[in-house]
Each structure stands twice: as C-alpha cells, then as structure tokens.
C-alpha cells in the first residue's frame, strides 16, 4: 500500500517536474553552454571577461538596489502584518494587497508619472512650498531611488501576504501572555511574532529578492539612460543592440549564481519544514 501511494505521488509530480525541466533546467544549461561559446561556436572565456570589464558595476548596483528594496519591504511588511495580526484591519490589509494585482508595466508607468521632475509628487510638494517647479528635484536620479520605491511598492503585497500568514500561525496564547506582562503591539511583534516566524519570513525574503534581481520592466521605464543599470537591462541591450548572445547568457549565468545562494537557503528551509 505504501509503495502504491509513493508511485501515485510520483505520477502526480511528473507533469510539474516536466514543466520545471522544460522551462528552467534545459534553458539554463543551454544558456550556460552558450555563455562559454563565441559566435563561431568555439569555446571561450571572453564573454565572462566582457562581463567583468563592462558590467561589474551594474551587477553590484543590481544587488544593492534589490537589497535596499527588500529591506524596506520587510520592515514595512513586518510592522503592517503585526498590526493587522494583533488589531485586525480588513481595510488596511486590502489596501496593502492592491499592488499584488497591478502589472509591473503599469507600476513602472505610474511611478514614472508620479516621481518625474514635474510629476504628481513634486507638483503636490510645490503647493505647500517645499519644491520649486522651475528647478524640481529628480528623485529617480538619486541612486536608483525611483526603482527602489517602485520595487518596494510592487512587492509589498506579496510580503504582507506571506508574513501575515506566518503571523497567523502563532497562537493567541503567546500574544496574551505578552500583553499580561504589559507588552504593546510593537513589543508583541518584535519579541513574539517576529522570532517565531523567522523561517517563513526568510523564505519570503528569498522569493522577493530573487524576483527583484530579475526585474526588467520597472527599471526599463524608470531607470536613467546613463550610469549603472539593472542586469536585465544589460541582457536586453546585448541581445537587441549587439546581437551578442554569448555575453547576454554570461550575464544571465552570473544572475543565476547571484540568486543561487538565496535559492539554496529557500530549498533547505522548505525541506526542514517538510
């Protein structure tokens, strides 16, 4: 009976495994092979030398943008999820989950209009005398601030969805005990909910971080035309402008390796929980 159940589970898992192999494993190995191949099909390390020479700053920039955005998402997500868990808040939860249903392209366009030098934000600040519209500041030009704000806003909904689920799994008895000792909502979040949900929050952080590393539409619409760029923008231009699939795939492999540490932690966490 046990073998029959195991065989049945294997049959059920085959379609999902086939999709993973077809859409991820095979393309990844083809990408890796191409990254070590020149246009004549010969083995070469020149593609990675080009990545090192031209795109090291962009890789660091991508990691930094993703890390800062993730930090903002986690801080706000933990505080909002803790507030909802302790006090409830259907309206608050609904408002913070709206970005989950907004496409990345729409977010990019909306933030470009909102954060532009003569956009809605500066226009609103000008009404109270904080900004001079004759010489308005450009928020998007300050260390990718526009990209950080956009990525944080877009991923906030997913973070709250995952973190709130983890907080909901913490029993009320722990919170009641903390309240009996005089803990307010912040102390309940910091000393009870957060420590008991660290693994789930770490898994959420991994998923969000890897998603940010692969961002394309938002950086494309909001990023500056000069200075460091997100790696996916570099991949796009290497293919479209240079028809250089070798360097483009080398950049892709570097991105895979950048995310691999986070992915390994995710898989280990899931395995332990299972």
Protein backbone atom coordinates (compact mmCIF):
# COMPACT_ATOMS: atom_id res chain seq x y z
CA UNK A 1 0.00 0.00 0.00
CA UNK A 2 2.83 2.38 0.88
CA UNK A 3 4.62 1.68 -2.42
CA UNK A 4 1.36 2.23 -4.29
CA UNK A 5 0.89 5.63 -2.65
CA UNK A 6 4.50 6.60 -3.40
CA UNK A 7 4.07 5.56 -7.02
CA UNK A 8 0.88 7.59 -7.26
CA UNK A 9 2.59 10.67 -5.85
CA UNK A 10 5.40 10.21 -8.40
CA UNK A 11 2.88 10.08 -11.24
CA UNK A 12 1.20 13.23 -9.96
CA UNK A 13 4.57 15.01 -9.69
CA UNK A 14 5.76 14.09 -13.19
CA UNK A 15 3.87 16.89 -15.06
CA UNK A 16 5.18 19.54 -12.66
CA UNK A 17 8.72 18.17 -12.91
CA UNK A 18 8.44 18.10 -16.69
CA UNK A 19 7.48 21.78 -16.73
CA UNK A 20 10.45 22.66 -14.48
CA UNK A 21 12.83 20.69 -16.68
CA UNK A 22 11.45 22.14 -19.91
CA UNK A 23 11.20 25.75 -18.79
CA UNK A 24 14.14 26.05 -16.40
CA UNK A 25 16.67 23.20 -16.35
CA UNK A 26 17.14 22.82 -20.12
CA UNK A 27 17.19 26.60 -20.85
CA UNK A 28 19.67 27.12 -18.01
CA UNK A 29 22.12 24.54 -19.34
CA UNK A 30 21.75 25.89 -22.87
CA UNK A 31 22.39 29.37 -21.54
CA UNK A 32 25.45 28.17 -19.63
CA UNK A 33 26.87 26.43 -22.71
CA UNK A 34 26.26 29.49 -24.90
CA UNK A 35 27.99 31.72 -22.35
CA UNK A 36 31.24 29.79 -22.99
CA UNK A 37 30.86 29.92 -26.77
CA UNK A 38 31.86 32.60 -29.29
CA UNK A 39 29.93 33.45 -32.47
CA UNK A 40 31.83 30.76 -34.35
CA UNK A 41 30.86 28.11 -31.82
CA UNK A 42 34.31 27.81 -30.24
CA UNK A 43 34.96 27.57 -26.50
CA UNK A 44 35.93 30.90 -24.95
CA UNK A 45 36.07 32.81 -21.68
CA UNK A 46 35.88 36.14 -23.47
CA UNK A 47 32.19 36.57 -22.66
CA UNK A 48 32.88 36.49 -18.94
CA UNK A 49 35.87 38.80 -19.42
CA UNK A 50 33.50 41.26 -21.09
CA UNK A 51 31.05 40.94 -18.21
CA UNK A 52 33.83 41.63 -15.72
CA UNK A 53 35.13 44.60 -17.70
CA UNK A 54 31.85 46.29 -18.57
CA UNK A 55 29.17 45.13 -16.16
CA UNK A 56 30.71 44.63 -12.70
CA UNK A 57 29.30 47.97 -11.54
CA UNK A 58 25.87 47.04 -12.88
CA UNK A 59 25.92 43.71 -11.04
CA UNK A 60 26.80 45.44 -7.76
CA UNK A 61 24.15 48.07 -8.48
CA UNK A 62 21.52 45.38 -9.08
CA UNK A 63 22.34 43.57 -5.84
CA UNK A 64 22.33 46.85 -3.89
CA UNK A 65 19.02 48.02 -5.35
CA UNK A 66 17.41 44.65 -4.64
CA UNK A 67 18.82 44.53 -1.09
CA UNK A 68 17.66 48.06 -0.19
CA UNK A 69 14.23 47.44 -1.71
CA UNK A 70 13.96 44.15 0.19
CA UNK A 71 14.90 45.81 3.48
CA UNK A 72 12.17 48.43 3.02
CA UNK A 73 9.63 45.76 2.11
CA UNK A 74 10.48 43.59 5.11
CA UNK A 75 10.43 46.42 7.66
CA UNK A 76 7.09 47.79 6.47
CA UNK A 77 5.69 44.31 5.85
CA UNK A 78 6.52 43.08 9.36
CA UNK A 79 5.08 46.19 11.03
CA UNK A 80 1.89 46.22 8.96
CA UNK A 81 1.38 42.46 9.29
CA UNK A 82 1.93 42.70 13.04
CA UNK A 83 -0.63 45.50 13.33
CA UNK A 84 -3.18 43.51 11.31
CA UNK A 85 -2.49 40.32 13.28
CA UNK A 86 -2.98 42.00 16.66
CA UNK A 87 -5.69 44.56 15.97
CA UNK A 88 -7.25 43.23 12.77
CA UNK A 89 -7.76 45.55 9.84
CA UNK A 90 -9.58 44.35 6.78
CA UNK A 91 -9.35 47.74 5.07
CA UNK A 92 -5.65 48.12 5.80
CA UNK A 93 -4.95 44.60 4.58
CA UNK A 94 -6.95 45.22 1.41
CA UNK A 95 -5.14 48.48 0.63
CA UNK A 96 -1.70 46.96 1.10
CA UNK A 97 -2.57 43.97 -1.10
CA UNK A 98 -3.68 46.07 -4.08
CA UNK A 99 -0.17 46.03 -5.68
CA UNK A 100 -0.45 42.25 -5.94
CA UNK A 101 -2.92 42.69 -8.80
CA UNK A 102 -1.15 45.55 -10.60
CA UNK A 103 1.12 44.51 -13.53
CA UNK A 104 4.77 45.53 -13.44
CA UNK A 105 4.39 47.64 -16.58
CA UNK A 106 1.54 49.60 -15.02
CA UNK A 107 3.60 50.14 -11.86
CA UNK A 108 6.52 51.39 -13.94
CA UNK A 109 4.39 53.85 -15.89
CA UNK A 110 2.54 55.07 -12.80
CA UNK A 111 5.75 55.63 -10.84
CA UNK A 112 7.36 57.38 -13.79
CA UNK A 113 4.47 59.86 -13.85
CA UNK A 114 4.37 60.16 -10.05
CA UNK A 115 8.13 60.62 -9.50
CA UNK A 116 9.02 62.66 -12.60
CA UNK A 117 10.60 66.12 -12.04
CA UNK A 118 7.27 67.72 -12.99
CA UNK A 119 5.21 64.76 -11.82
CA UNK A 120 2.47 64.45 -9.27
CA UNK A 121 4.75 64.24 -6.22
CA UNK A 122 6.72 67.41 -6.95
CA UNK A 123 3.53 69.20 -8.02
CA UNK A 124 1.92 68.34 -4.68
CA UNK A 125 5.03 69.42 -2.75
CA UNK A 126 5.12 72.67 -4.72
CA UNK A 127 1.64 73.51 -3.46
CA UNK A 128 2.99 73.73 0.10
CA UNK A 129 6.19 75.50 -0.92
CA UNK A 130 8.59 72.57 -0.48
CA UNK A 131 9.58 72.33 -4.14
CA UNK A 132 10.30 74.91 -6.81
CA UNK A 133 8.83 73.63 -10.08
CA UNK A 134 11.21 75.89 -12.04
CA UNK A 135 14.03 73.66 -10.82
CA UNK A 136 12.38 70.50 -9.45
CA UNK A 137 14.44 67.70 -7.90
CA UNK A 138 14.63 64.39 -9.74
CA UNK A 139 14.04 61.65 -7.19
CA UNK A 140 14.64 58.88 -9.70
CA UNK A 141 18.24 60.02 -10.32
CA UNK A 142 19.38 59.52 -6.69
CA UNK A 143 20.96 56.03 -6.53
CA UNK A 144 18.02 54.42 -8.29
CA UNK A 145 15.54 55.80 -5.76
CA UNK A 146 12.73 55.52 -8.29
CA UNK A 147 13.48 51.85 -8.91
CA UNK A 148 13.73 51.16 -5.16
CA UNK A 149 10.40 52.85 -4.42
CA UNK A 150 8.68 51.07 -7.30
CA UNK A 151 10.05 47.61 -6.49
CA UNK A 152 9.22 48.07 -2.81
CA UNK A 153 5.65 49.16 -3.56
CA UNK A 154 5.07 46.35 -6.05
CA UNK A 155 6.43 43.61 -3.78
CA UNK A 156 4.84 44.90 -0.58
CA UNK A 157 1.63 42.96 -1.19
CA UNK A 158 3.42 39.62 -1.58
CA UNK A 159 5.50 40.28 1.53
CA UNK A 160 2.44 41.08 3.65
CA UNK A 161 0.60 38.07 2.27
CA UNK A 162 3.42 35.72 3.30
CA UNK A 163 4.38 37.41 6.56
CA UNK A 164 0.79 37.75 7.74
CA UNK A 165 0.27 34.06 7.04
CA UNK A 166 3.26 33.27 9.24
CA UNK A 167 2.00 35.57 12.00
CA UNK A 168 -1.45 34.00 11.86
CA UNK A 169 0.11 30.62 12.65
CA UNK A 170 1.37 31.95 16.02
CA UNK A 171 -1.11 31.03 18.76
CA UNK A 172 -3.05 33.73 20.58
CA UNK A 173 -1.86 32.39 23.93
CA UNK A 174 1.64 33.75 23.27
CA UNK A 175 0.28 37.21 22.48
CA UNK A 176 -2.00 37.13 25.52
CA UNK A 177 0.94 36.21 27.74
CA UNK A 178 2.95 39.12 26.32
CA UNK A 179 0.03 41.52 26.91
CA UNK A 180 -0.25 40.30 30.50
CA UNK A 181 3.32 41.44 31.02
CA UNK A 182 2.46 44.87 29.62
CA UNK A 183 3.78 44.47 26.06
CA UNK A 184 2.32 46.85 23.50
CA UNK A 185 1.77 45.91 19.86
CA UNK A 186 5.35 46.75 18.85
CA UNK A 187 6.84 44.59 21.60
CA UNK A 188 4.45 41.79 20.68
CA UNK A 189 5.64 41.97 17.09
CA UNK A 190 9.35 42.28 17.98
CA UNK A 191 9.52 39.77 20.82
CA UNK A 192 6.80 37.23 19.93
CA UNK A 193 5.62 37.24 16.33
CA UNK A 194 8.94 38.01 14.65
CA UNK A 195 11.14 35.41 16.42
CA UNK A 196 8.52 32.69 15.94
CA UNK A 197 8.16 33.43 12.24
CA UNK A 198 11.77 33.99 11.18
CA UNK A 199 11.98 30.95 8.90
CA UNK A 200 8.82 31.88 6.99
CA UNK A 201 9.95 35.50 6.72
CA UNK A 202 13.35 34.39 5.44
CA UNK A 203 11.69 32.27 2.76
CA UNK A 204 9.52 35.25 1.77
CA UNK A 205 12.66 37.41 1.62
CA UNK A 206 14.36 34.92 -0.70
CA UNK A 207 11.40 34.82 -3.08
CA UNK A 208 11.12 38.61 -3.18
CA UNK A 209 14.88 39.17 -3.53
CA UNK A 210 15.24 36.79 -6.47
CA UNK A 211 12.23 38.42 -8.12
CA UNK A 212 13.82 41.85 -7.72
CA UNK A 213 17.09 40.63 -9.23
CA UNK A 214 15.17 39.65 -12.38
CA UNK A 215 13.22 42.92 -12.65
CA UNK A 216 13.10 44.34 -16.16
CA UNK A 217 10.03 46.44 -16.94
CA UNK A 218 10.24 48.75 -13.90
CA UNK A 219 13.98 49.52 -14.29
CA UNK A 220 13.46 49.93 -18.04
CA UNK A 221 10.73 52.54 -17.57
CA UNK A 222 12.14 54.37 -14.56
CA UNK A 223 15.91 53.90 -14.78
CA UNK A 224 18.18 56.61 -16.08
CA UNK A 225 19.74 56.45 -19.53
CA UNK A 226 23.19 56.83 -18.02
CA UNK A 227 25.08 55.41 -15.07
CA UNK A 228 24.71 51.87 -13.72
CA UNK A 229 21.77 49.77 -14.87
CA UNK A 230 20.00 46.66 -13.63
CA UNK A 231 21.45 43.47 -15.08
CA UNK A 232 18.32 42.51 -17.02
CA UNK A 233 18.56 45.81 -18.90
CA UNK A 234 22.11 44.89 -19.90
CA UNK A 235 20.94 41.48 -21.09
CA UNK A 236 18.26 43.15 -23.20
CA UNK A 237 20.69 45.57 -24.87
CA UNK A 238 23.32 42.89 -25.51
CA UNK A 239 20.72 40.90 -27.43
CA UNK A 240 18.80 43.69 -29.20
CA UNK A 241 21.58 46.16 -29.98
CA UNK A 242 24.65 43.92 -30.22
CA UNK A 243 23.13 40.52 -31.11
CA UNK A 244 25.67 39.17 -28.65
CA UNK A 245 24.07 36.10 -27.13
CA UNK A 246 27.33 34.94 -25.55
CA UNK A 247 27.72 37.96 -23.26
CA UNK A 248 23.96 38.08 -22.67
CA UNK A 249 23.97 34.48 -21.49
CA UNK A 250 27.07 35.12 -19.39
CA UNK A 251 25.17 37.91 -17.64
CA UNK A 252 22.29 35.50 -17.17
CA UNK A 253 24.54 32.88 -15.60
CA UNK A 254 26.00 35.48 -13.25
CA UNK A 255 22.45 36.41 -12.24
CA UNK A 256 21.66 32.74 -11.63
CA UNK A 257 24.72 32.41 -9.43
CA UNK A 258 23.84 35.59 -7.55
CA UNK A 259 20.43 34.19 -6.73
CA UNK A 260 21.65 30.63 -6.13
CA UNK A 261 22.68 31.24 -2.51
CA UNK A 262 19.24 32.58 -1.69
CA UNK A 263 17.60 29.73 -3.60
CA UNK A 264 19.64 27.12 -1.72
CA UNK A 265 18.56 28.64 1.59
CA UNK A 266 14.94 28.57 0.40
CA UNK A 267 15.13 24.89 -0.56
CA UNK A 268 16.79 23.97 2.73
CA UNK A 269 14.11 25.85 4.69
CA UNK A 270 11.32 24.13 2.78
CA UNK A 271 12.97 20.73 3.30
CA UNK A 272 13.30 21.30 7.05
CA UNK A 273 9.70 22.41 7.33
CA UNK A 274 8.60 19.37 5.37
